Amino acid sequence: MVAHEISTQIADDNEKLKSKASETFGSEFNDAHTEVDPKWTYYYTDMVPSHTKDRIVIFRAQPPSKQLGCVRVRDKHDITKTIWDSVGKEGIYMGDVPAGCPFEAMLVEVKLITPK
């Protein structure tokens, strides 16, 4: 799995964001039963707990920094294993967090798309 770069225009418009998530990861992320976080949440260094359903994580560096820290999705059966990560990039990205998998967020702002 890999994180996909997206534009600021998509990241800042929840309807466009859901549409892009649906196009990239599947139609279940573009319906009335999906929630998008209303604002960005900054993580200095945290392990974000798992969820019972797949989620989409959208992440960027905290302004004024251009380079993000890290998002690392961990295996649900063995958190020492990494499913995918994105480290030290510039831009805004989105990636799939499979059901049951926690993820690390370090020096990034995050929004989640979550099925209700």
PDB file of N, CA and C in Angstrom:
ATOM      1  N   MET A   1       0.837  -1.177   0.000  1.00  0.00           N
ATOM      2  CA  MET A   1       0.000   0.000   0.000  1.00  0.00           C
ATOM      3  C   MET A   1       0.878   1.235   0.000  1.00  0.00           C
ATOM      4  N   VAL A   2       0.294   2.326  -0.437  1.00  0.00           N
ATOM      5  CA  VAL A   2       1.057   3.547  -0.570  1.00  0.00           C
ATOM      6  C   VAL A   2       0.146   4.735  -0.314  1.00  0.00           C
ATOM      7  N   ALA A   3       0.740   5.845   0.086  1.00  0.00           N
ATOM      8  CA  ALA A   3      -0.005   7.088   0.245  1.00  0.00           C
ATOM      9  C   ALA A   3      -0.023   7.822  -1.093  1.00  0.00           C
ATOM     10  N   HIS A   4      -1.140   8.475  -1.384  1.00  0.00           N
ATOM     11  CA  HIS A   4      -1.331   9.184  -2.648  1.00  0.00           C
ATOM     12  C   HIS A   4      -1.357  10.689  -2.391  1.00  0.00           C
ATOM     13  N   GLU A   5      -0.590  11.439  -3.167  1.00  0.00           N
ATOM     14  CA  GLU A   5      -0.569  12.890  -3.014  1.00  0.00           C
ATOM     15  C   GLU A   5      -1.866  13.488  -3.546  1.00  0.00           C
ATOM     16  N   ILE A   6      -2.396  14.495  -2.837  1.00  0.00           N
ATOM     17  CA  ILE A   6      -3.596  15.207  -3.256  1.00  0.00           C
ATOM     18  C   ILE A   6      -3.353  16.703  -3.166  1.00  0.00           C
ATOM     19  N   SER A   7      -4.205  17.484  -3.810  1.00  0.00           N
ATOM     20  CA  SER A   7      -4.054  18.939  -3.815  1.00  0.00           C
ATOM     21  C   SER A   7      -4.694  19.576  -2.581  1.00  0.00           C
ATOM     22  N   THR A   8      -4.319  20.806  -2.310  1.00  0.00           N
ATOM     23  CA  THR A   8      -4.921  21.573  -1.214  1.00  0.00           C
ATOM     24  C   THR A   8      -6.407  21.766  -1.450  1.00  0.00           C
ATOM     25  N   GLN A   9      -6.799  22.004  -2.712  1.00  0.00           N
ATOM     26  CA  GLN A   9      -8.210  22.207  -3.038  1.00  0.00           C
ATOM     27  C   GLN A   9      -9.049  20.983  -2.664  1.00  0.00           C
ATOM     28  N   ILE A  10      -8.516  19.803  -2.871  1.00  0.00           N
ATOM     29  CA  ILE A  10      -9.230  18.580  -2.496  1.00  0.00           C
ATOM     30  C   ILE A  10      -9.225  18.411  -0.985  1.00  0.00           C
ATOM     31  N   ALA A  11      -8.086  18.613  -0.351  1.00  0.00           N
ATOM     32  CA  ALA A  11      -7.959  18.395   1.096  1.00  0.00           C
ATOM     33  C   ALA A  11      -8.846  19.328   1.910  1.00  0.00           C
ATOM     34  N   ASP A  12      -9.113  20.522   1.399  1.00  0.00           N
ATOM     35  CA  ASP A  12      -9.888  21.515   2.146  1.00  0.00           C
ATOM     36  C   ASP A  12     -11.382  21.507   1.814  1.00  0.00           C
ATOM     37  N   ASP A  13     -11.825  20.599   0.955  1.00  0.00           N
ATOM     38  CA  ASP A  13     -13.240  20.500   0.572  1.00  0.00           C
ATOM     39  C   ASP A  13     -13.693  19.068   0.840  1.00  0.00           C
ATOM     40  N   ASN A  14     -14.516  18.882   1.869  1.00  0.00           N
ATOM     41  CA  ASN A  14     -14.876  17.530   2.296  1.00  0.00           C
ATOM     42  C   ASN A  14     -15.587  16.714   1.218  1.00  0.00           C
ATOM     43  N   GLU A  15     -16.396  17.342   0.394  1.00  0.00           N
ATOM     44  CA  GLU A  15     -17.070  16.600  -0.675  1.00  0.00           C
ATOM     45  C   GLU A  15     -16.064  16.133  -1.732  1.00  0.00           C
ATOM     46  N   LYS A  16     -15.130  17.021  -2.106  1.00  0.00           N
ATOM     47  CA  LYS A  16     -14.091  16.627  -3.058  1.00  0.00           C
ATOM     48  C   LYS A  16     -13.184  15.552  -2.451  1.00  0.00           C
ATOM     49  N   LEU A  17     -12.933  15.680  -1.158  1.00  0.00           N
ATOM     50  CA  LEU A  17     -12.090  14.713  -0.450  1.00  0.00           C
ATOM     51  C   LEU A  17     -12.741  13.323  -0.457  1.00  0.00           C
ATOM     52  N   LYS A  18     -14.029  13.257  -0.150  1.00  0.00           N
ATOM     53  CA  LYS A  18     -14.738  11.981  -0.177  1.00  0.00           C
ATOM     54  C   LYS A  18     -14.776  11.401  -1.589  1.00  0.00           C
ATOM     55  N   SER A  19     -14.951  12.255  -2.578  1.00  0.00           N
ATOM     56  CA  SER A  19     -14.970  11.802  -3.967  1.00  0.00           C
ATOM     57  C   SER A  19     -13.622  11.213  -4.369  1.00  0.00           C
ATOM     58  N   LYS A  20     -12.529  11.894  -4.000  1.00  0.00           N
ATOM     59  CA  LYS A  20     -11.177  11.404  -4.310  1.00  0.00           C
ATOM     60  C   LYS A  20     -10.900  10.088  -3.566  1.00  0.00           C
ATOM     61  N   ALA A  21     -11.329  10.003  -2.309  1.00  0.00           N
ATOM     62  CA  ALA A  21     -11.143   8.772  -1.530  1.00  0.00           C
ATOM     63  C   ALA A  21     -11.905   7.621  -2.177  1.00  0.00           C
ATOM     64  N   SER A  22     -13.110   7.898  -2.639  1.00  0.00           N
ATOM     65  CA  SER A  22     -13.919   6.881  -3.302  1.00  0.00           C
ATOM     66  C   SER A  22     -13.261   6.418  -4.597  1.00  0.00           C
ATOM     67  N   GLU A  23     -12.758   7.364  -5.367  1.00  0.00           N
ATOM     68  CA  GLU A  23     -12.082   7.052  -6.630  1.00  0.00           C
ATOM     69  C   GLU A  23     -10.828   6.212  -6.401  1.00  0.00           C
ATOM     70  N   THR A  24     -10.098   6.527  -5.335  1.00  0.00           N
ATOM     71  CA  THR A  24      -8.813   5.881  -5.069  1.00  0.00           C
ATOM     72  C   THR A  24      -8.944   4.576  -4.282  1.00  0.00           C
ATOM     73  N   PHE A  25      -9.857   4.546  -3.291  1.00  0.00           N
ATOM     74  CA  PHE A  25      -9.906   3.416  -2.362  1.00  0.00           C
ATOM     75  C   PHE A  25     -11.204   2.615  -2.378  1.00  0.00           C
ATOM     76  N   GLY A  26     -12.229   3.095  -3.075  1.00  0.00           N
ATOM     77  CA  GLY A  26     -13.486   2.352  -3.146  1.00  0.00           C
ATOM     78  C   GLY A  26     -14.686   3.198  -2.787  1.00  0.00           C
ATOM     79  N   SER A  27     -15.820   2.833  -3.340  1.00  0.00           N
ATOM     80  CA  SER A  27     -17.036   3.647  -3.239  1.00  0.00           C
ATOM     81  C   SER A  27     -17.575   3.812  -1.826  1.00  0.00           C
ATOM     82  N   GLU A  28     -17.194   2.953  -0.902  1.00  0.00           N
ATOM     83  CA  GLU A  28     -17.721   3.071   0.470  1.00  0.00           C
ATOM     84  C   GLU A  28     -17.297   4.369   1.165  1.00  0.00           C
ATOM     85  N   PHE A  29     -16.334   5.091   0.596  1.00  0.00           N
ATOM     86  CA  PHE A  29     -15.874   6.337   1.220  1.00  0.00           C
ATOM     87  C   PHE A  29     -16.547   7.579   0.646  1.00  0.00           C
ATOM     88  N   ASN A  30     -17.581   7.413  -0.187  1.00  0.00           N
ATOM     89  CA  ASN A  30     -18.256   8.568  -0.776  1.00  0.00           C
ATOM     90  C   ASN A  30     -19.762   8.475  -0.592  1.00  0.00           C
ATOM     91  N   ASP A  31     -20.212   8.068   0.564  1.00  0.00           N
ATOM     92  CA  ASP A  31     -21.654   7.998   0.759  1.00  0.00           C
ATOM     93  C   ASP A  31     -22.060   8.700   2.046  1.00  0.00           C
ATOM     94  N   ALA A  32     -23.346   8.691   2.292  1.00  0.00           N
ATOM     95  CA  ALA A  32     -23.902   9.397   3.448  1.00  0.00           C
ATOM     96  C   ALA A  32     -23.504   8.751   4.773  1.00  0.00           C
ATOM     97  N   HIS A  33     -22.938   7.558   4.716  1.00  0.00           N
ATOM     98  CA  HIS A  33     -22.562   6.852   5.938  1.00  0.00           C
ATOM     99  C   HIS A  33     -21.073   7.007   6.253  1.00  0.00           C
ATOM    100  N   THR A  34     -20.505   8.109   5.775  1.00  0.00           N
ATOM    101  CA  THR A  34     -19.086   8.380   5.979  1.00  0.00           C
ATOM    102  C   THR A  34     -18.923   9.753   6.616  1.00  0.00           C
ATOM    103  N   GLU A  35     -18.028   9.847   7.581  1.00  0.00           N
ATOM    104  CA  GLU A  35     -17.739  11.125   8.245  1.00  0.00           C
ATOM    105  C   GLU A  35     -16.319  11.570   7.931  1.00  0.00           C
ATOM    106  N   VAL A  36     -16.174  12.876   7.711  1.00  0.00           N
ATOM    107  CA  VAL A  36     -14.854  13.484   7.551  1.00  0.00           C
ATOM    108  C   VAL A  36     -14.630  14.382   8.760  1.00  0.00           C
ATOM    109  N   ASP A  37     -13.467  14.253   9.388  1.00  0.00           N
ATOM    110  CA  ASP A  37     -13.166  15.142  10.512  1.00  0.00           C
ATOM    111  C   ASP A  37     -13.368  16.586  10.090  1.00  0.00           C
ATOM    112  N   PRO A  38     -14.006  17.406  10.938  1.00  0.00           N
ATOM    113  CA  PRO A  38     -14.290  18.793  10.559  1.00  0.00           C
ATOM    114  C   PRO A  38     -13.052  19.689  10.527  1.00  0.00           C
ATOM    115  N   LYS A  39     -11.986  19.280  11.206  1.00  0.00           N
ATOM    116  CA  LYS A  39     -10.776  20.106  11.217  1.00  0.00           C
ATOM    117  C   LYS A  39      -9.546  19.215  11.287  1.00  0.00           C
ATOM    118  N   TRP A  40      -8.402  19.818  11.020  1.00  0.00           N
ATOM    119  CA  TRP A  40      -7.121  19.115  11.107  1.00  0.00           C
ATOM    120  C   TRP A  40      -6.732  18.982  12.570  1.00  0.00           C
ATOM    121  N   THR A  41      -6.156  17.835  12.940  1.00  0.00           N
ATOM    122  CA  THR A  41      -5.651  17.595  14.294  1.00  0.00           C
ATOM    123  C   THR A  41      -4.144  17.399  14.202  1.00  0.00           C
ATOM    124  N   TYR A  42      -3.402  18.153  15.027  1.00  0.00           N
ATOM    125  CA  TYR A  42      -1.945  18.039  15.027  1.00  0.00           C
ATOM    126  C   TYR A  42      -1.509  16.929  15.978  1.00  0.00           C
ATOM    127  N   TYR A  43      -0.566  16.110  15.499  1.00  0.00           N
ATOM    128  CA  TYR A  43       0.028  15.052  16.322  1.00  0.00           C
ATOM    129  C   TYR A  43       1.528  15.287  16.412  1.00  0.00           C
ATOM    130  N   TYR A  44       2.000  15.416  17.642  1.00  0.00           N
ATOM    131  CA  TYR A  44       3.439  15.548  17.852  1.00  0.00           C
ATOM    132  C   TYR A  44       4.082  14.176  17.702  1.00  0.00           C
ATOM    133  N   THR A  45       3.612  13.240  18.490  1.00  0.00           N
ATOM    134  CA  THR A  45       3.997  11.831  18.339  1.00  0.00           C
ATOM    135  C   THR A  45       2.963  10.996  19.091  1.00  0.00           C
ATOM    136  N   ASP A  46       2.118  10.317  18.335  1.00  0.00           N
ATOM    137  CA  ASP A  46       1.034   9.548  18.921  1.00  0.00           C
ATOM    138  C   ASP A  46       0.787   8.275  18.133  1.00  0.00           C
ATOM    139  N   MET A  47       0.268   7.274  18.832  1.00  0.00           N
ATOM    140  CA  MET A  47      -0.249   6.074  18.191  1.00  0.00           C
ATOM    141  C   MET A  47      -1.771   6.258  18.174  1.00  0.00           C
ATOM    142  N   VAL A  48      -2.340   6.343  16.989  1.00  0.00           N
ATOM    143  CA  VAL A  48      -3.784   6.521  16.841  1.00  0.00           C
ATOM    144  C   VAL A  48      -4.409   5.128  16.854  1.00  0.00           C
ATOM    145  N   PRO A  49      -5.377   4.898  17.759  1.00  0.00           N
ATOM    146  CA  PRO A  49      -5.939   3.550  17.903  1.00  0.00           C
ATOM    147  C   PRO A  49      -6.638   3.052  16.636  1.00  0.00           C
ATOM    148  N   SER A  50      -6.769   1.760  16.557  1.00  0.00           N
ATOM    149  CA  SER A  50      -7.432   1.123  15.418  1.00  0.00           C
ATOM    150  C   SER A  50      -8.932   1.391  15.450  1.00  0.00           C
ATOM    151  N   HIS A  51      -9.596   1.047  14.348  1.00  0.00           N
ATOM    152  CA  HIS A  51     -11.041   1.188  14.210  1.00  0.00           C
ATOM    153  C   HIS A  51     -11.568  -0.128  13.652  1.00  0.00           C
ATOM    154  N   THR A  52     -12.849  -0.394  13.813  1.00  0.00           N
ATOM    155  CA  THR A  52     -13.423  -1.654  13.345  1.00  0.00           C
ATOM    156  C   THR A  52     -13.597  -1.707  11.831  1.00  0.00           C
ATOM    157  N   LYS A  53     -13.534  -0.545  11.157  1.00  0.00           N
ATOM    158  CA  LYS A  53     -13.662  -0.489   9.699  1.00  0.00           C
ATOM    159  C   LYS A  53     -12.462   0.230   9.107  1.00  0.00           C
ATOM    160  N   ASP A  54     -12.237   0.017   7.807  1.00  0.00           N
ATOM    161  CA  ASP A  54     -11.180   0.752   7.108  1.00  0.00           C
ATOM    162  C   ASP A  54     -11.436   2.253   7.228  1.00  0.00           C
ATOM    163  N   ARG A  55     -10.348   3.017   7.318  1.00  0.00           N
ATOM    164  CA  ARG A  55     -10.424   4.481   7.341  1.00  0.00           C
ATOM    165  C   ARG A  55      -9.439   5.022   6.333  1.00  0.00           C
ATOM    166  N   ILE A  56      -9.624   6.278   5.978  1.00  0.00           N
ATOM    167  CA  ILE A  56      -8.665   6.984   5.148  1.00  0.00           C
ATOM    168  C   ILE A  56      -8.039   8.069   6.006  1.00  0.00           C
ATOM    169  N   VAL A  57      -6.718   8.119   6.023  1.00  0.00           N
ATOM    170  CA  VAL A  57      -6.002   9.167   6.745  1.00  0.00           C
ATOM    171  C   VAL A  57      -5.486  10.172   5.710  1.00  0.00           C
ATOM    172  N   ILE A  58      -5.770  11.446   5.965  1.00  0.00           N
ATOM    173  CA  ILE A  58      -5.265  12.538   5.142  1.00  0.00           C
ATOM    174  C   ILE A  58      -4.273  13.279   6.031  1.00  0.00           C
ATOM    175  N   PHE A  59      -3.085  13.552   5.514  1.00  0.00           N
ATOM    176  CA  PHE A  59      -2.070  14.152   6.379  1.00  0.00           C
ATOM    177  C   PHE A  59      -1.195  15.134   5.626  1.00  0.00           C
ATOM    178  N   ARG A  60      -0.692  16.100   6.396  1.00  0.00           N
ATOM    179  CA  ARG A  60       0.180  17.150   5.869  1.00  0.00           C
ATOM    180  C   ARG A  60       1.074  17.654   6.997  1.00  0.00           C
ATOM    181  N   ALA A  61       2.105  18.388   6.604  1.00  0.00           N
ATOM    182  CA  ALA A  61       2.961  19.030   7.600  1.00  0.00           C
ATOM    183  C   ALA A  61       2.194  20.165   8.259  1.00  0.00           C
ATOM    184  N   GLN A  62       2.549  20.454   9.492  1.00  0.00           N
ATOM    185  CA  GLN A  62       1.922  21.580  10.163  1.00  0.00           C
ATOM    186  C   GLN A  62       2.533  22.868   9.629  1.00  0.00           C
ATOM    187  N   PRO A  63       1.711  23.798   9.108  1.00  0.00           N
ATOM    188  CA  PRO A  63       2.266  25.071   8.639  1.00  0.00           C
ATOM    189  C   PRO A  63       2.997  25.775   9.784  1.00  0.00           C
ATOM    190  N   PRO A  64       4.087  26.464   9.568  1.00  0.00           N
ATOM    191  CA  PRO A  64       4.655  26.842   8.284  1.00  0.00           C
ATOM    192  C   PRO A  64       5.636  25.811   7.710  1.00  0.00           C
ATOM    193  N   SER A  65       5.834  24.689   8.396  1.00  0.00           N
ATOM    194  CA  SER A  65       6.742  23.666   7.884  1.00  0.00           C
ATOM    195  C   SER A  65       6.205  23.097   6.573  1.00  0.00           C
ATOM    196  N   LYS A  66       7.101  22.751   5.664  1.00  0.00           N
ATOM    197  CA  LYS A  66       6.691  22.145   4.403  1.00  0.00           C
ATOM    198  C   LYS A  66       6.895  20.642   4.407  1.00  0.00           C
ATOM    199  N   GLN A  67       7.757  20.168   5.298  1.00  0.00           N
ATOM    200  CA  GLN A  67       8.080  18.745   5.323  1.00  0.00           C
ATOM    201  C   GLN A  67       7.359  18.064   6.484  1.00  0.00           C
ATOM    202  N   LEU A  68       6.603  17.005   6.160  1.00  0.00           N
ATOM    203  CA  LEU A  68       5.892  16.306   7.220  1.00  0.00           C
ATOM    204  C   LEU A  68       6.823  15.342   7.930  1.00  0.00           C
ATOM    205  N   GLY A  69       6.415  14.969   9.115  1.00  0.00           N
ATOM    206  CA  GLY A  69       7.187  14.010   9.884  1.00  0.00           C
ATOM    207  C   GLY A  69       6.962  12.604   9.364  1.00  0.00           C
ATOM    208  N   CYS A  70       5.954  11.917   9.923  1.00  0.00           N
ATOM    209  CA  CYS A  70       5.755  10.517   9.557  1.00  0.00           C
ATOM    210  C   CYS A  70       4.326  10.078   9.848  1.00  0.00           C
ATOM    211  N   VAL A  71       3.784   9.276   8.951  1.00  0.00           N
ATOM    212  CA  VAL A  71       2.591   8.481   9.217  1.00  0.00           C
ATOM    213  C   VAL A  71       2.994   7.051   8.904  1.00  0.00           C
ATOM    214  N   ARG A  72       2.765   6.166   9.864  1.00  0.00           N
ATOM    215  CA  ARG A  72       3.176   4.764   9.714  1.00  0.00           C
ATOM    216  C   ARG A  72       2.026   3.862  10.177  1.00  0.00           C
ATOM    217  N   VAL A  73       1.481   3.084   9.262  1.00  0.00           N
ATOM    218  CA  VAL A  73       0.378   2.174   9.579  1.00  0.00           C
ATOM    219  C   VAL A  73       0.970   0.841  10.011  1.00  0.00           C
ATOM    220  N   ARG A  74       0.532   0.382  11.181  1.00  0.00           N
ATOM    221  CA  ARG A  74       1.053  -0.848  11.781  1.00  0.00           C
ATOM    222  C   ARG A  74       0.119  -2.034  11.537  1.00  0.00           C
ATOM    223  N   ASP A  75       0.683  -3.215  11.477  1.00  0.00           N
ATOM    224  CA  ASP A  75      -0.080  -4.447  11.293  1.00  0.00           C
ATOM    225  C   ASP A  75      -0.953  -4.710  12.522  1.00  0.00           C
ATOM    226  N   LYS A  76      -2.180  -5.161  12.285  1.00  0.00           N
ATOM    227  CA  LYS A  76      -3.087  -5.382  13.415  1.00  0.00           C
ATOM    228  C   LYS A  76      -2.690  -6.566  14.285  1.00  0.00           C
ATOM    229  N   HIS A  77      -1.935  -7.508  13.742  1.00  0.00           N
ATOM    230  CA  HIS A  77      -1.532  -8.691  14.514  1.00  0.00           C
ATOM    231  C   HIS A  77      -0.144  -8.547  15.146  1.00  0.00           C
ATOM    232  N   ASP A  78       0.667  -7.659  14.605  1.00  0.00           N
ATOM    233  CA  ASP A  78       2.035  -7.472  15.100  1.00  0.00           C
ATOM    234  C   ASP A  78       2.450  -6.022  14.845  1.00  0.00           C
ATOM    235  N   ILE A  79       2.316  -5.165  15.873  1.00  0.00           N
ATOM    236  CA  ILE A  79       2.575  -3.737  15.663  1.00  0.00           C
ATOM    237  C   ILE A  79       4.042  -3.415  15.375  1.00  0.00           C
ATOM    238  N   THR A  80       4.909  -4.408  15.456  1.00  0.00           N
ATOM    239  CA  THR A  80       6.305  -4.154  15.055  1.00  0.00           C
ATOM    240  C   THR A  80       6.448  -4.183  13.535  1.00  0.00           C
ATOM    241  N   LYS A  81       5.412  -4.673  12.836  1.00  0.00           N
ATOM    242  CA  LYS A  81       5.437  -4.716  11.370  1.00  0.00           C
ATOM    243  C   LYS A  81       4.721  -3.500  10.797  1.00  0.00           C
ATOM    244  N   THR A  82       5.278  -2.950   9.739  1.00  0.00           N
ATOM    245  CA  THR A  82       4.716  -1.777   9.084  1.00  0.00           C
ATOM    246  C   THR A  82       4.011  -2.187   7.799  1.00  0.00           C
ATOM    247  N   ILE A  83       2.764  -1.747   7.631  1.00  0.00           N
ATOM    248  CA  ILE A  83       2.023  -2.003   6.397  1.00  0.00           C
ATOM    249  C   ILE A  83       2.461  -0.995   5.331  1.00  0.00           C
ATOM    250  N   TRP A  84       2.475   0.290   5.684  1.00  0.00           N
ATOM    251  CA  TRP A  84       3.027   1.331   4.813  1.00  0.00           C
ATOM    252  C   TRP A  84       3.384   2.523   5.678  1.00  0.00           C
ATOM    253  N   ASP A  85       4.288   3.333   5.177  1.00  0.00           N
ATOM    254  CA  ASP A  85       4.607   4.583   5.864  1.00  0.00           C
ATOM    255  C   ASP A  85       4.962   5.660   4.855  1.00  0.00           C
ATOM    256  N   SER A  86       4.926   6.878   5.337  1.00  0.00           N
ATOM    257  CA  SER A  86       5.288   8.045   4.545  1.00  0.00           C
ATOM    258  C   SER A  86       6.097   8.948   5.466  1.00  0.00           C
ATOM    259  N   VAL A  87       7.340   9.199   5.091  1.00  0.00           N
ATOM    260  CA  VAL A  87       8.261   9.912   5.967  1.00  0.00           C
ATOM    261  C   VAL A  87       8.950  11.039   5.205  1.00  0.00           C
ATOM    262  N   GLY A  88       8.957  12.238   5.803  1.00  0.00           N
ATOM    263  CA  GLY A  88       9.763  13.343   5.302  1.00  0.00           C
ATOM    264  C   GLY A  88       9.386  13.893   3.944  1.00  0.00           C
ATOM    265  N   LYS A  89       8.151  13.733   3.529  1.00  0.00           N
ATOM    266  CA  LYS A  89       7.722  14.241   2.229  1.00  0.00           C
ATOM    267  C   LYS A  89       7.147  15.643   2.355  1.00  0.00           C
ATOM    268  N   GLU A  90       7.003  16.300   1.215  1.00  0.00           N
ATOM    269  CA  GLU A  90       6.315  17.590   1.153  1.00  0.00           C
ATOM    270  C   GLU A  90       4.994  17.376   0.442  1.00  0.00           C
ATOM    271  N   GLY A  91       3.961  18.091   0.874  1.00  0.00           N
ATOM    272  CA  GLY A  91       2.658  17.994   0.228  1.00  0.00           C
ATOM    273  C   GLY A  91       1.607  17.441   1.163  1.00  0.00           C
ATOM    274  N   ILE A  92       0.463  17.085   0.573  1.00  0.00           N
ATOM    275  CA  ILE A  92      -0.667  16.515   1.305  1.00  0.00           C
ATOM    276  C   ILE A  92      -0.933  15.136   0.712  1.00  0.00           C
ATOM    277  N   TYR A  93      -1.168  14.163   1.591  1.00  0.00           N
ATOM    278  CA  TYR A  93      -1.317  12.781   1.158  1.00  0.00           C
ATOM    279  C   TYR A  93      -2.543  12.136   1.801  1.00  0.00           C
ATOM    280  N   MET A  94      -3.008  11.059   1.167  1.00  0.00           N
ATOM    281  CA  MET A  94      -4.064  10.238   1.749  1.00  0.00           C
ATOM    282  C   MET A  94      -3.683   8.774   1.593  1.00  0.00           C
ATOM    283  N   GLY A  95      -4.061   7.982   2.595  1.00  0.00           N
ATOM    284  CA  GLY A  95      -3.753   6.561   2.545  1.00  0.00           C
ATOM    285  C   GLY A  95      -4.786   5.754   3.308  1.00  0.00           C
ATOM    286  N   ASP A  96      -4.891   4.489   2.972  1.00  0.00           N
ATOM    287  CA  ASP A  96      -5.846   3.581   3.606  1.00  0.00           C
ATOM    288  C   ASP A  96      -5.267   3.016   4.899  1.00  0.00           C
ATOM    289  N   VAL A  97      -6.079   3.056   5.952  1.00  0.00           N
ATOM    290  CA  VAL A  97      -5.728   2.411   7.213  1.00  0.00           C
ATOM    291  C   VAL A  97      -6.694   1.236   7.373  1.00  0.00           C
ATOM    292  N   PRO A  98      -6.222   0.012   7.159  1.00  0.00           N
ATOM    293  CA  PRO A  98      -7.121  -1.146   7.234  1.00  0.00           C
ATOM    294  C   PRO A  98      -7.751  -1.316   8.621  1.00  0.00           C
ATOM    295  N   ALA A  99      -8.932  -1.918   8.632  1.00  0.00           N
ATOM    296  CA  ALA A  99      -9.632  -2.191   9.894  1.00  0.00           C
ATOM    297  C   ALA A  99      -8.710  -2.937  10.856  1.00  0.00           C
ATOM    298  N   GLY A 100      -8.748  -2.513  12.102  1.00  0.00           N
ATOM    299  CA  GLY A 100      -7.964  -3.175  13.139  1.00  0.00           C
ATOM    300  C   GLY A 100      -6.527  -2.713  13.259  1.00  0.00           C
ATOM    301  N   CYS A 101      -6.083  -1.837  12.343  1.00  0.00           N
ATOM    302  CA  CYS A 101      -4.689  -1.394  12.355  1.00  0.00           C
ATOM    303  C   CYS A 101      -4.543  -0.010  12.994  1.00  0.00           C
ATOM    304  N   PRO A 102      -3.674   0.121  13.989  1.00  0.00           N
ATOM    305  CA  PRO A 102      -3.367   1.447  14.508  1.00  0.00           C
ATOM    306  C   PRO A 102      -2.369   2.133  13.575  1.00  0.00           C
ATOM    307  N   PHE A 103      -2.206   3.448  13.736  1.00  0.00           N
ATOM    308  CA  PHE A 103      -1.158   4.127  12.972  1.00  0.00           C
ATOM    309  C   PHE A 103      -0.471   5.165  13.833  1.00  0.00           C
ATOM    310  N   GLU A 104       0.807   5.362  13.535  1.00  0.00           N
ATOM    311  CA  GLU A 104       1.603   6.385  14.204  1.00  0.00           C
ATOM    312  C   GLU A 104       1.488   7.675  13.408  1.00  0.00           C
ATOM    313  N   ALA A 105       1.404   8.780  14.116  1.00  0.00           N
ATOM    314  CA  ALA A 105       1.390  10.093  13.481  1.00  0.00           C
ATOM    315  C   ALA A 105       2.389  10.964  14.239  1.00  0.00           C
ATOM    316  N   MET A 106       3.406  11.442  13.525  1.00  0.00           N
ATOM    317  CA  MET A 106       4.454  12.237  14.152  1.00  0.00           C
ATOM    318  C   MET A 106       4.699  13.509  13.350  1.00  0.00           C
ATOM    319  N   LEU A 107       4.533  14.647  14.005  1.00  0.00           N
ATOM    320  CA  LEU A 107       4.778  15.954  13.402  1.00  0.00           C
ATOM    321  C   LEU A 107       3.961  16.151  12.124  1.00  0.00           C
ATOM    322  N   VAL A 108       2.672  15.817  12.207  1.00  0.00           N
ATOM    323  CA  VAL A 108       1.755  15.975  11.086  1.00  0.00           C
ATOM    324  C   VAL A 108       0.385  16.448  11.571  1.00  0.00           C
ATOM    325  N   GLU A 109      -0.355  17.068  10.647  1.00  0.00           N
ATOM    326  CA  GLU A 109      -1.766  17.349  10.866  1.00  0.00           C
ATOM    327  C   GLU A 109      -2.547  16.278  10.118  1.00  0.00           C
ATOM    328  N   VAL A 110      -3.628  15.815  10.743  1.00  0.00           N
ATOM    329  CA  VAL A 110      -4.380  14.670  10.231  1.00  0.00           C
ATOM    330  C   VAL A 110      -5.876  14.969  10.199  1.00  0.00           C
ATOM    331  N   LYS A 111      -6.531  14.460   9.150  1.00  0.00           N
ATOM    332  CA  LYS A 111      -7.985  14.348   9.071  1.00  0.00           C
ATOM    333  C   LYS A 111      -8.264  12.893   8.762  1.00  0.00           C
ATOM    334  N   LEU A 112      -9.390  12.371   9.247  1.00  0.00           N
ATOM    335  CA  LEU A 112      -9.780  10.996   8.952  1.00  0.00           C
ATOM    336  C   LEU A 112     -11.128  10.960   8.246  1.00  0.00           C
ATOM    337  N   ILE A 113     -11.259  10.050   7.304  1.00  0.00           N
ATOM    338  CA  ILE A 113     -12.552   9.710   6.720  1.00  0.00           C
ATOM    339  C   ILE A 113     -12.909   8.353   7.303  1.00  0.00           C
ATOM    340  N   THR A 114     -14.037   8.314   8.024  1.00  0.00           N
ATOM    341  CA  THR A 114     -14.411   7.121   8.772  1.00  0.00           C
ATOM    342  C   THR A 114     -15.844   6.711   8.458  1.00  0.00           C
ATOM    343  N   PRO A 115     -16.088   5.441   8.150  1.00  0.00           N
ATOM    344  CA  PRO A 115     -17.468   4.976   8.015  1.00  0.00           C
ATOM    345  C   PRO A 115     -18.196   5.083   9.363  1.00  0.00           C
ATOM    346  N   LYS A 116     -19.466   5.440   9.318  1.00  0.00           N
ATOM    347  CA  LYS A 116     -20.255   5.570  10.558  1.00  0.00           C
ATOM    348  C   LYS A 116     -20.618   4.200  11.083  1.00  0.00           C
TER     349      LYS A 116
END
